[in-house]
C-alpha atoms as a PDB file:
ATOM      1  CA  UNK A   1      -4.865-100.716-124.512  1.00  0.00           C
ATOM      2  CA  UNK A   2      -1.554-102.489-125.336  1.00  0.00           C
ATOM      3  CA  UNK A   3       0.160-102.121-128.690  1.00  0.00           C
ATOM      4  CA  UNK A   4       3.490-103.489-129.863  1.00  0.00           C
ATOM      5  CA  UNK A   5       4.782-102.151-133.177  1.00  0.00           C
ATOM      6  CA  UNK A   6       7.720-103.913-134.871  1.00  0.00           C
ATOM      7  CA  UNK A   7       9.361-104.689-131.525  1.00  0.00           C
ATOM      8  CA  UNK A   8      12.797-106.342-131.517  1.00  0.00           C
ATOM      9  CA  UNK A   9      15.068-107.217-128.599  1.00  0.00           C
ATOM     10  CA  UNK A  10      18.700-108.120-129.197  1.00  0.00           C
ATOM     11  CA  UNK A  11      21.402-109.256-126.805  1.00  0.00           C
ATOM     12  CA  UNK A  12      24.583-108.713-128.766  1.00  0.00           C
ATOM     13  CA  UNK A  13      24.268-110.839-131.890  1.00  0.00           C
ATOM     14  CA  UNK A  14      21.378-112.858-130.448  1.00  0.00           C
ATOM     15  CA  UNK A  15      17.836-111.789-131.332  1.00  0.00           C
ATOM     16  CA  UNK A  16      15.465-112.816-128.539  1.00  0.00           C
ATOM     17  CA  UNK A  17      12.386-111.128-130.045  1.00  0.00           C
ATOM     18  CA  UNK A  18      12.242-110.466-133.764  1.00  0.00           C
ATOM     19  CA  UNK A  19      10.022-107.684-135.147  1.00  0.00           C
ATOM     20  CA  UNK A  20       6.741-108.620-133.436  1.00  0.00           C
ATOM     21  CA  UNK A  21       3.527-106.602-133.598  1.00  0.00           C
ATOM     22  CA  UNK A  22       0.161-107.129-131.920  1.00  0.00           C
ATOM     23  CA  UNK A  23      -2.647-105.221-130.236  1.00  0.00           C
ATOM     24  CA  UNK A  24      -4.548-106.171-127.084  1.00  0.00           C
ATOM     25  CA  UNK A  25      -7.892-104.451-126.607  1.00  0.00           C
ATOM     26  CA  UNK A  26      -9.333-103.286-123.305  1.00  0.00           C
ATOM     27  CA  UNK A  27     -11.016-106.094-121.342  1.00  0.00           C
ATOM     28  CA  UNK A  28      -9.377-108.966-123.228  1.00  0.00           C
ATOM     29  CA  UNK A  29      -7.763-111.930-121.476  1.00  0.00           C
ATOM     30  CA  UNK A  30      -4.824-112.963-123.648  1.00  0.00           C
ATOM     31  CA  UNK A  31      -2.760-116.142-123.416  1.00  0.00           C
ATOM     32  CA  UNK A  32       0.909-115.680-124.278  1.00  0.00           C
ATOM     33  CA  UNK A  33       2.361-119.055-125.262  1.00  0.00           C
ATOM     34  CA  UNK A  34       5.663-120.397-126.494  1.00  0.00           C
ATOM     35  CA  UNK A  35       8.232-123.108-125.770  1.00  0.00           C
ATOM     36  CA  UNK A  36      11.171-122.394-123.486  1.00  0.00           C
ATOM     37  CA  UNK A  37      13.455-119.814-125.068  1.00  0.00           C
ATOM     38  CA  UNK A  38      10.778-118.634-127.502  1.00  0.00           C
ATOM     39  CA  UNK A  39      10.867-115.018-126.332  1.00  0.00           C
ATOM     40  CA  UNK A  40       7.665-114.793-124.315  1.00  0.00           C
ATOM     41  CA  UNK A  41       9.370-113.853-121.021  1.00  0.00           C
ATOM     42  CA  UNK A  42      11.405-111.209-122.854  1.00  0.00           C
ATOM     43  CA  UNK A  43       8.176-109.885-124.387  1.00  0.00           C
ATOM     44  CA  UNK A  44       6.482-109.697-120.981  1.00  0.00           C
ATOM     45  CA  UNK A  45       9.502-107.957-119.465  1.00  0.00           C
ATOM     46  CA  UNK A  46       9.457-105.362-122.246  1.00  0.00           C
ATOM     47  CA  UNK A  47       5.715-104.744-121.792  1.00  0.00           C
ATOM     48  CA  UNK A  48       6.237-104.163-118.050  1.00  0.00           C
ATOM     49  CA  UNK A  49       9.157-101.844-118.768  1.00  0.00           C
ATOM     50  CA  UNK A  50      11.606-104.051-116.874  1.00  0.00           C
ATOM     51  CA  UNK A  51      13.826-104.175-119.963  1.00  0.00           C
ATOM     52  CA  UNK A  52      13.917-101.870-122.988  1.00  0.00           C
ATOM     53  CA  UNK A  53      13.298-102.975-126.548  1.00  0.00           C
ATOM     54  CA  UNK A  54      16.114-102.560-129.073  1.00  0.00           C
ATOM     55  CA  UNK A  55      13.734-101.418-131.804  1.00  0.00           C
ATOM     56  CA  UNK A  56      10.040-100.652-132.179  1.00  0.00           C
ATOM     57  CA  UNK A  57       7.347 -99.079-129.998  1.00  0.00           C
ATOM     58  CA  UNK A  58       5.415-100.312-126.970  1.00  0.00           C
ATOM     59  CA  UNK A  59       2.298 -98.277-126.160  1.00  0.00           C
ATOM     60  CA  UNK A  60       0.473 -98.861-122.849  1.00  0.00           C
ATOM     61  CA  UNK A  61      -2.934 -97.173-122.604  1.00  0.00           C
ATOM     62  CA  UNK A  62      -1.714 -94.404-124.898  1.00  0.00           C
ATOM     63  CA  UNK A  63       1.672 -93.946-123.193  1.00  0.00           C
ATOM     64  CA  UNK A  64       4.932 -94.801-124.948  1.00  0.00           C
ATOM     65  CA  UNK A  65       6.922 -97.047-122.592  1.00  0.00           C
ATOM     66  CA  UNK A  66      10.234 -95.354-123.474  1.00  0.00           C
ATOM     67  CA  UNK A  67       9.023 -91.751-123.551  1.00  0.00           C
ATOM     68  CA  UNK A  68       6.611 -91.825-120.577  1.00  0.00           C
ATOM     69  CA  UNK A  69       7.680 -94.889-118.557  1.00  0.00           C
ATOM     70  CA  UNK A  70       6.202 -93.793-115.198  1.00  0.00           C
ATOM     71  CA  UNK A  71       2.742 -93.199-116.640  1.00  0.00           C
ATOM     72  CA  UNK A  72       2.866 -96.427-118.653  1.00  0.00           C
ATOM     73  CA  UNK A  73       4.055 -98.547-115.716  1.00  0.00           C
ATOM     74  CA  UNK A  74       1.374 -97.073-113.454  1.00  0.00           C
ATOM     75  CA  UNK A  75      -1.210 -98.886-115.594  1.00  0.00           C
ATOM     76  CA  UNK A  76       0.413-102.311-115.083  1.00  0.00           C
ATOM     77  CA  UNK A  77       0.227-104.841-112.254  1.00  0.00           C
ATOM     78  CA  UNK A  78       2.781-107.632-112.628  1.00  0.00           C
ATOM     79  CA  UNK A  79       2.683-111.042-110.945  1.00  0.00           C
ATOM     80  CA  UNK A  80       6.033-112.692-111.742  1.00  0.00           C
ATOM     81  CA  UNK A  81       6.690-116.422-111.910  1.00  0.00           C
ATOM     82  CA  UNK A  82       8.065-118.079-108.780  1.00  0.00           C
ATOM     83  CA  UNK A  83       6.154-115.893-106.279  1.00  0.00           C
ATOM     84  CA  UNK A  84       9.033-113.626-105.145  1.00  0.00           C
ATOM     85  CA  UNK A  85       7.781-112.229-101.824  1.00  0.00           C
ATOM     86  CA  UNK A  86       9.184-110.737 -98.633  1.00  0.00           C
ATOM     87  CA  UNK A  87       8.509-113.800 -96.511  1.00  0.00           C
ATOM     88  CA  UNK A  88       9.214-112.181 -93.119  1.00  0.00           C
ATOM     89  CA  UNK A  89       6.325-109.756 -93.637  1.00  0.00           C
ATOM     90  CA  UNK A  90       2.705-110.554 -92.905  1.00  0.00           C
ATOM     91  CA  UNK A  91       0.277-110.588 -95.817  1.00  0.00           C
ATOM     92  CA  UNK A  92      -1.146-107.207 -94.870  1.00  0.00           C
ATOM     93  CA  UNK A  93       2.325-105.699 -94.372  1.00  0.00           C
ATOM     94  CA  UNK A  94       3.375-106.882 -97.824  1.00  0.00           C
ATOM     95  CA  UNK A  95       0.290-105.537 -99.596  1.00  0.00           C
ATOM     96  CA  UNK A  96       0.661-102.241 -97.713  1.00  0.00           C
ATOM     97  CA  UNK A  97       4.347-102.082 -98.715  1.00  0.00           C
ATOM     98  CA  UNK A  98       3.407-102.607-102.365  1.00  0.00           C
ATOM     99  CA  UNK A  99       0.829 -99.815-102.005  1.00  0.00           C
ATOM    100  CA  UNK A 100       3.580 -97.523-100.707  1.00  0.00           C
ATOM    101  CA  UNK A 101       5.864 -98.407-103.622  1.00  0.00           C
ATOM    102  CA  UNK A 102       3.063 -97.634-106.054  1.00  0.00           C
ATOM    103  CA  UNK A 103       2.406 -94.326-104.236  1.00  0.00           C
ATOM    104  CA  UNK A 104      -1.208 -95.045-103.402  1.00  0.00           C
ATOM    105  CA  UNK A 105      -2.605 -91.931-101.706  1.00  0.00           C
ATOM    106  CA  UNK A 106      -2.094 -92.150 -97.923  1.00  0.00           C
ATOM    107  CA  UNK A 107      -5.630 -90.948 -97.263  1.00  0.00           C
ATOM    108  CA  UNK A 108      -7.150 -93.972 -99.006  1.00  0.00           C
ATOM    109  CA  UNK A 109      -4.279 -96.480 -98.712  1.00  0.00           C
ATOM    110  CA  UNK A 110      -5.715 -98.412 -95.772  1.00  0.00           C
ATOM    111  CA  UNK A 111      -9.084 -98.700 -97.497  1.00  0.00           C
ATOM    112  CA  UNK A 112      -7.507 -99.815-100.787  1.00  0.00           C
ATOM    113  CA  UNK A 113      -5.297-102.422 -99.084  1.00  0.00           C
ATOM    114  CA  UNK A 114      -8.250-103.879 -97.175  1.00  0.00           C
ATOM    115  CA  UNK A 115     -10.300-104.011-100.382  1.00  0.00           C
ATOM    116  CA  UNK A 116      -7.582-105.915-102.273  1.00  0.00           C
ATOM    117  CA  UNK A 117      -7.141-108.352 -99.386  1.00  0.00           C
ATOM    118  CA  UNK A 118     -10.888-109.045 -99.437  1.00  0.00           C
ATOM    119  CA  UNK A 119     -11.000-109.448-103.233  1.00  0.00           C
ATOM    120  CA  UNK A 120      -8.135-111.947-103.291  1.00  0.00           C
ATOM    121  CA  UNK A 121      -9.518-114.062-100.432  1.00  0.00           C
ATOM    122  CA  UNK A 122      -6.712-113.238 -97.987  1.00  0.00           C
ATOM    123  CA  UNK A 123      -8.734-111.837 -95.074  1.00  0.00           C
ATOM    124  CA  UNK A 124      -8.335-114.973 -92.923  1.00  0.00           C
ATOM    125  CA  UNK A 125      -4.542-114.982 -93.286  1.00  0.00           C
ATOM    126  CA  UNK A 126      -3.771-111.235 -93.432  1.00  0.00           C
ATOM    127  CA  UNK A 127      -1.867-111.330 -90.111  1.00  0.00           C
ATOM    128  CA  UNK A 128       0.153-114.459 -90.926  1.00  0.00           C
ATOM    129  CA  UNK A 129       3.791-114.342 -91.981  1.00  0.00           C
ATOM    130  CA  UNK A 130       4.096-115.064 -95.695  1.00  0.00           C
ATOM    131  CA  UNK A 131       6.701-117.793 -95.066  1.00  0.00           C
ATOM    132  CA  UNK A 132       4.066-119.777 -93.138  1.00  0.00           C
ATOM    133  CA  UNK A 133       1.466-119.685 -95.944  1.00  0.00           C
ATOM    134  CA  UNK A 134       0.561-122.469 -98.353  1.00  0.00           C
ATOM    135  CA  UNK A 135       1.617-122.116-101.976  1.00  0.00           C
ATOM    136  CA  UNK A 136      -1.936-121.144-102.922  1.00  0.00           C
ATOM    137  CA  UNK A 137      -2.071-118.271-100.449  1.00  0.00           C
ATOM    138  CA  UNK A 138       1.384-117.115-101.537  1.00  0.00           C
ATOM    139  CA  UNK A 139       0.078-116.921-105.115  1.00  0.00           C
ATOM    140  CA  UNK A 140      -2.882-114.878-103.895  1.00  0.00           C
ATOM    141  CA  UNK A 141      -0.563-112.573-101.952  1.00  0.00           C
ATOM    142  CA  UNK A 142       1.551-112.003-105.046  1.00  0.00           C
ATOM    143  CA  UNK A 143      -1.617-111.278-107.023  1.00  0.00           C
ATOM    144  CA  UNK A 144      -2.766-108.825-104.336  1.00  0.00           C
ATOM    145  CA  UNK A 145       0.566-107.024-104.692  1.00  0.00           C
ATOM    146  CA  UNK A 146      -0.025-106.759-108.440  1.00  0.00           C
ATOM    147  CA  UNK A 147      -3.576-105.465-107.968  1.00  0.00           C
ATOM    148  CA  UNK A 148      -2.923-102.764-105.397  1.00  0.00           C
ATOM    149  CA  UNK A 149      -2.781 -99.353-107.042  1.00  0.00           C
ATOM    150  CA  UNK A 150      -5.710-100.249-109.308  1.00  0.00           C
ATOM    151  CA  UNK A 151      -3.795-100.952-112.533  1.00  0.00           C
ATOM    152  CA  UNK A 152      -5.843-101.352-115.702  1.00  0.00           C
ATOM    153  CA  UNK A 153      -3.576-104.152-116.953  1.00  0.00           C
ATOM    154  CA  UNK A 154      -2.552-107.366-115.179  1.00  0.00           C
ATOM    155  CA  UNK A 155       0.364-109.465-116.388  1.00  0.00           C
ATOM    156  CA  UNK A 156       0.376-112.917-114.794  1.00  0.00           C
ATOM    157  CA  UNK A 157       3.354-115.212-115.356  1.00  0.00           C
ATOM    158  CA  UNK A 158       2.521-118.866-114.573  1.00  0.00           C
ATOM    159  CA  UNK A 159      -0.083-117.954-111.901  1.00  0.00           C
ATOM    160  CA  UNK A 160      -1.061-121.564-111.059  1.00  0.00           C
ATOM    161  CA  UNK A 161       2.299-123.348-111.212  1.00  0.00           C
ATOM    162  CA  UNK A 162       2.872-125.639-108.229  1.00  0.00           C
ATOM    163  CA  UNK A 163      -0.708-125.509-106.985  1.00  0.00           C
ATOM    164  CA  UNK A 164      -2.953-128.456-106.147  1.00  0.00           C
ATOM    165  CA  UNK A 165      -6.159-128.988-108.206  1.00  0.00           C
ATOM    166  CA  UNK A 166      -8.384-127.144-105.705  1.00  0.00           C
ATOM    167  CA  UNK A 167      -6.044-124.158-105.575  1.00  0.00           C
ATOM    168  CA  UNK A 168      -5.781-124.100-109.383  1.00  0.00           C
ATOM    169  CA  UNK A 169      -9.569-123.963-109.685  1.00  0.00           C
ATOM    170  CA  UNK A 170      -9.744-121.118-107.153  1.00  0.00           C
ATOM    171  CA  UNK A 171      -7.041-119.031-108.876  1.00  0.00           C
ATOM    172  CA  UNK A 172      -8.632-119.602-112.295  1.00  0.00           C
ATOM    173  CA  UNK A 173     -11.988-118.412-110.979  1.00  0.00           C
ATOM    174  CA  UNK A 174     -10.313-115.357-109.486  1.00  0.00           C
ATOM    175  CA  UNK A 175      -8.586-114.531-112.789  1.00  0.00           C
ATOM    176  CA  UNK A 176     -11.883-114.853-114.678  1.00  0.00           C
ATOM    177  CA  UNK A 177     -13.519-112.477-112.200  1.00  0.00           C
ATOM    178  CA  UNK A 178     -10.636-109.994-112.527  1.00  0.00           C
ATOM    179  CA  UNK A 179     -11.053-110.185-116.301  1.00  0.00           C
ATOM    180  CA  UNK A 180     -14.357-108.331-115.933  1.00  0.00           C
ATOM    181  CA  UNK A 181     -12.526-105.182-114.816  1.00  0.00           C
ATOM    182  CA  UNK A 182      -8.962-105.613-116.143  1.00  0.00           C
ATOM    183  CA  UNK A 183      -7.067-106.361-119.328  1.00  0.00           C
ATOM    184  CA  UNK A 184      -5.020-109.499-118.627  1.00  0.00           C
ATOM    185  CA  UNK A 185      -1.976-111.128-120.221  1.00  0.00           C
ATOM    186  CA  UNK A 186      -1.539-114.679-118.953  1.00  0.00           C
ATOM    187  CA  UNK A 187       1.516-116.828-119.557  1.00  0.00           C
ATOM    188  CA  UNK A 188       1.093-120.515-118.731  1.00  0.00           C
ATOM    189  CA  UNK A 189       2.466-123.910-119.688  1.00  0.00           C
ATOM    190  CA  UNK A 190      -0.923-125.445-118.839  1.00  0.00           C
ATOM    191  CA  UNK A 191      -2.610-125.100-122.208  1.00  0.00           C
ATOM    192  CA  UNK A 192      -5.981-126.397-121.015  1.00  0.00           C
ATOM    193  CA  UNK A 193      -5.926-123.489-118.558  1.00  0.00           C
ATOM    194  CA  UNK A 194      -5.283-120.975-121.333  1.00  0.00           C
ATOM    195  CA  UNK A 195      -8.070-122.522-123.411  1.00  0.00           C
ATOM    196  CA  UNK A 196     -10.535-122.150-120.523  1.00  0.00           C
ATOM    197  CA  UNK A 197      -9.611-118.630-119.453  1.00  0.00           C
ATOM    198  CA  UNK A 198      -8.363-116.713-122.504  1.00  0.00           C
ATOM    199  CA  UNK A 199     -10.367-115.125-125.305  1.00  0.00           C
ATOM    200  CA  UNK A 200      -7.313-114.932-127.573  1.00  0.00           C
ATOM    201  CA  UNK A 201      -3.925-116.624-127.799  1.00  0.00           C
ATOM    202  CA  UNK A 202      -0.596-115.268-129.040  1.00  0.00           C
ATOM    203  CA  UNK A 203       1.948-117.998-129.838  1.00  0.00           C
ATOM    204  CA  UNK A 204       5.626-117.039-130.067  1.00  0.00           C
ATOM    205  CA  UNK A 205       8.381-119.310-131.349  1.00  0.00           C
ATOM    206  CA  UNK A 206      12.043-118.421-131.977  1.00  0.00           C
ATOM    207  CA  UNK A 207      11.291-114.773-131.310  1.00  0.00           C
ATOM    208  CA  UNK A 208       8.534-114.533-133.931  1.00  0.00           C
ATOM    209  CA  UNK A 209       4.754-114.641-133.684  1.00  0.00           C
ATOM    210  CA  UNK A 210       3.409-117.764-135.376  1.00  0.00           C
ATOM    211  CA  UNK A 211      -0.291-117.336-134.526  1.00  0.00           C
ATOM    212  CA  UNK A 212      -2.800-114.895-133.034  1.00  0.00           C
ATOM    213  CA  UNK A 213      -6.361-116.148-132.712  1.00  0.00           C
ATOM    214  CA  UNK A 214      -9.065-117.482-130.401  1.00  0.00           C
ATOM    215  CA  UNK A 215      -8.198-120.912-128.920  1.00  0.00           C
ATOM    216  CA  UNK A 216     -11.155-122.538-130.704  1.00  0.00           C
ATOM    217  CA  UNK A 217     -10.113-121.094-134.057  1.00  0.00           C
ATOM    218  CA  UNK A 218      -6.550-122.370-133.644  1.00  0.00           C
ATOM    219  CA  UNK A 219      -7.880-125.829-132.818  1.00  0.00           C
ATOM    220  CA  UNK A 220     -10.080-125.783-135.922  1.00  0.00           C
ATOM    221  CA  UNK A 221      -7.246-124.602-138.175  1.00  0.00           C
ATOM    222  CA  UNK A 222      -5.003-127.551-137.362  1.00  0.00           C
ATOM    223  CA  UNK A 223      -7.791-130.118-137.358  1.00  0.00           C
ATOM    224  CA  UNK A 224      -6.952-131.517-140.781  1.00  0.00           C
ATOM    225  CA  UNK A 225      -8.432-134.940-139.958  1.00  0.00           C
ATOM    226  CA  UNK A 226     -12.174-135.377-139.740  1.00  0.00           C
ATOM    227  CA  UNK A 227     -12.137-138.699-137.949  1.00  0.00           C
ATOM    228  CA  UNK A 228     -15.043-140.246-136.083  1.00  0.00           C
ATOM    229  CA  UNK A 229     -14.555-142.876-133.398  1.00  0.00           C
ATOM    230  CA  UNK A 230     -17.302-145.419-133.035  1.00  0.00           C
ATOM    231  CA  UNK A 231     -18.021-148.473-130.867  1.00  0.00           C
ATOM    232  CA  UNK A 232     -20.518-150.946-132.351  1.00  0.00           C
ATOM    233  CA  UNK A 233     -22.024-154.397-131.975  1.00  0.00           C
ATOM    234  CA  UNK A 234     -21.715-155.972-135.413  1.00  0.00           C
ATOM    235  CA  UNK A 235     -21.485-159.793-135.252  1.00  0.00           C
ATOM    236  CA  UNK A 236     -21.974-160.156-139.033  1.00  0.00           C
ATOM    237  CA  UNK A 237     -19.236-157.633-139.921  1.00  0.00           C
ATOM    238  CA  UNK A 238     -21.648-155.557-141.989  1.00  0.00           C
ATOM    239  CA  UNK A 239     -19.597-152.442-141.240  1.00  0.00           C
ATOM    240  CA  UNK A 240     -17.187-153.475-143.995  1.00  0.00           C
ATOM    241  CA  UNK A 241     -19.721-152.589-146.694  1.00  0.00           C
ATOM    242  CA  UNK A 242     -20.692-149.234-145.175  1.00  0.00           C
ATOM    243  CA  UNK A 243     -18.076-147.473-147.319  1.00  0.00           C
ATOM    244  CA  UNK A 244     -20.150-148.399-150.385  1.00  0.00           C
ATOM    245  CA  UNK A 245     -23.393-147.229-148.770  1.00  0.00           C
ATOM    246  CA  UNK A 246     -22.107-143.956-147.264  1.00  0.00           C
ATOM    247  CA  UNK A 247     -19.986-142.390-150.005  1.00  0.00           C
ATOM    248  CA  UNK A 248     -18.592-139.720-147.657  1.00  0.00           C
ATOM    249  CA  UNK A 249     -16.675-142.406-145.754  1.00  0.00           C
ATOM    250  CA  UNK A 250     -13.068-142.522-146.949  1.00  0.00           C
ATOM    251  CA  UNK A 251     -11.809-145.361-144.759  1.00  0.00           C
ATOM    252  CA  UNK A 252     -12.831-147.574-141.828  1.00  0.00           C
ATOM    253  CA  UNK A 253     -10.153-149.005-139.529  1.00  0.00           C
ATOM    254  CA  UNK A 254     -10.623-151.469-136.684  1.00  0.00           C
ATOM    255  CA  UNK A 255      -8.846-150.182-133.570  1.00  0.00           C
ATOM    256  CA  UNK A 256      -9.689-153.001-131.157  1.00  0.00           C
ATOM    257  CA  UNK A 257     -12.213-155.659-130.145  1.00  0.00           C
ATOM    258  CA  UNK A 258     -13.530-155.225-126.609  1.00  0.00           C
ATOM    259  CA  UNK A 259     -14.105-157.991-124.041  1.00  0.00           C
ATOM    260  CA  UNK A 260     -17.889-157.760-124.483  1.00  0.00           C
ATOM    261  CA  UNK A 261     -17.566-158.418-128.218  1.00  0.00           C
ATOM    262  CA  UNK A 262     -18.120-154.839-129.324  1.00  0.00           C
ATOM    263  CA  UNK A 263     -15.639-153.324-131.743  1.00  0.00           C
ATOM    264  CA  UNK A 264     -14.005-149.908-131.768  1.00  0.00           C
ATOM    265  CA  UNK A 265     -13.409-148.297-135.191  1.00  0.00           C
ATOM    266  CA  UNK A 266     -11.923-145.135-136.623  1.00  0.00           C
ATOM    267  CA  UNK A 267     -13.916-143.726-139.546  1.00  0.00           C
ATOM    268  CA  UNK A 268     -12.155-141.236-141.801  1.00  0.00           C
ATOM    269  CA  UNK A 269     -14.501-139.030-143.802  1.00  0.00           C
ATOM    270  CA  UNK A 270     -14.166-137.132-147.071  1.00  0.00           C
ATOM    271  CA  UNK A 271     -13.591-133.389-146.652  1.00  0.00           C
ATOM    272  CA  UNK A 272     -14.962-131.654-143.580  1.00  0.00           C
ATOM    273  CA  UNK A 273     -18.555-132.901-143.636  1.00  0.00           C
ATOM    274  CA  UNK A 274     -20.131-134.054-140.360  1.00  0.00           C
ATOM    275  CA  UNK A 275     -21.763-137.389-141.262  1.00  0.00           C
ATOM    276  CA  UNK A 276     -22.681-138.626-137.794  1.00  0.00           C
ATOM    277  CA  UNK A 277     -26.423-138.319-138.457  1.00  0.00           C
ATOM    278  CA  UNK A 278     -26.041-140.327-141.679  1.00  0.00           C
ATOM    279  CA  UNK A 279     -24.048-142.993-139.823  1.00  0.00           C
ATOM    280  CA  UNK A 280     -26.801-143.349-137.193  1.00  0.00           C
ATOM    281  CA  UNK A 281     -29.447-143.750-139.890  1.00  0.00           C
ATOM    282  CA  UNK A 282     -27.601-146.131-142.223  1.00  0.00           C
ATOM    283  CA  UNK A 283     -26.068-148.297-139.499  1.00  0.00           C
ATOM    284  CA  UNK A 284     -29.533-148.801-137.967  1.00  0.00           C
ATOM    285  CA  UNK A 285     -30.837-150.033-141.349  1.00  0.00           C
ATOM    286  CA  UNK A 286     -28.120-152.725-141.308  1.00  0.00           C
ATOM    287  CA  UNK A 287     -28.870-153.646-137.667  1.00  0.00           C
ATOM    288  CA  UNK A 288     -25.447-152.418-136.531  1.00  0.00           C
ATOM    289  CA  UNK A 289     -25.898-151.255-132.929  1.00  0.00           C
ATOM    290  CA  UNK A 290     -23.970-148.097-132.040  1.00  0.00           C
ATOM    291  CA  UNK A 291     -22.816-147.932-128.421  1.00  0.00           C
ATOM    292  CA  UNK A 292     -20.688-144.800-128.694  1.00  0.00           C
ATOM    293  CA  UNK A 293     -19.753-142.277-131.373  1.00  0.00           C
ATOM    294  CA  UNK A 294     -17.664-139.104-131.150  1.00  0.00           C
ATOM    295  CA  UNK A 295     -15.640-136.835-133.376  1.00  0.00           C
ATOM    296  CA  UNK A 296     -11.894-136.598-132.968  1.00  0.00           C
ATOM    297  CA  UNK A 297     -10.996-133.907-130.438  1.00  0.00           C
ATOM    298  CA  UNK A 298      -8.236-131.444-131.251  1.00  0.00           C
ATOM    299  CA  UNK A 299      -6.944-129.512-128.241  1.00  0.00           C
ATOM    300  CA  UNK A 300      -5.057-126.236-127.955  1.00  0.00           C
ATOM    301  CA  UNK A 301      -2.027-128.377-127.109  1.00  0.00           C
ATOM    302  CA  UNK A 302      -2.316-130.118-130.495  1.00  0.00           C
ATOM    303  CA  UNK A 303      -2.555-126.735-132.229  1.00  0.00           C
ATOM    304  CA  UNK A 304       0.385-125.373-130.232  1.00  0.00           C
ATOM    305  CA  UNK A 305       2.650-128.292-131.133  1.00  0.00           C
ATOM    306  CA  UNK A 306       1.788-128.160-134.832  1.00  0.00           C
ATOM    307  CA  UNK A 307       2.258-124.395-135.041  1.00  0.00           C
ATOM    308  CA  UNK A 308       5.646-124.237-133.306  1.00  0.00           C
ATOM    309  CA  UNK A 309       6.882-127.156-135.384  1.00  0.00           C
ATOM    310  CA  UNK A 310       6.160-125.178-138.534  1.00  0.00           C
ATOM    311  CA  UNK A 311       2.838-126.763-139.365  1.00  0.00           C
ATOM    312  CA  UNK A 312      -0.235-125.091-140.767  1.00  0.00           C
ATOM    313  CA  UNK A 313      -0.702-121.563-139.401  1.00  0.00           C
END
């Protein structure tokens, strides 16, 4: 569906994107991540055909972006960051204008515009001026503009920035629903959002790709610690000898003593074995009461930071 082969973008002596290659299959929802200045916006602009690559090939649904730009661009709906809209138009006027720009057939244009307005939840505000809309409805209007013309590919740049929690939830649900019928590239600084929505993540840093994988796999790759956090009632301090009883325990560290007398510990284990069941069994034999136990959580944000800082990839 989307293929980049050895793509480079240079501005004079500065290389913004450096020989990147990846493939996005039909129906995938891909998260494109990177710190500021990493090259992700340049990559998105090249995929949309807004700027040309210096070297390499960009293929959109079988069409080379340089050789057949009109056919390639027809497959793409782009929702840019910052919601650039014509604010003196009504919602319906804007979506209709976008349909005209994309040369939607006049015979079916009205039907298509009404369908997009319904799908994006804009029916109640279709006659309102865009400048009088909330940020959430402006985002939906921008998305409707990207969707009209029935593109196979959606490119969404920071689609939830500036929204309140309710609006964020609504837009995320809408993106997930659109993912059933579209291939989506999503750029976002909210990494928990990417983790929830995307099936695969592409991380770019300093113009180069540092990782391509599922969010869960990236989290697992950088999870070099196999720590367990545990809260116990242990008035006789028997936990100190548990290292001798459970040989897979490497170290036990007291984090804090709580007001109710319980103690919170970090248990570091040998290798990558999950020993929680053994801990339950052996601690019970020593009359150590476990109030809470959980493994250390590694988030996509943790993986992102480690990968762009040159950690394990």
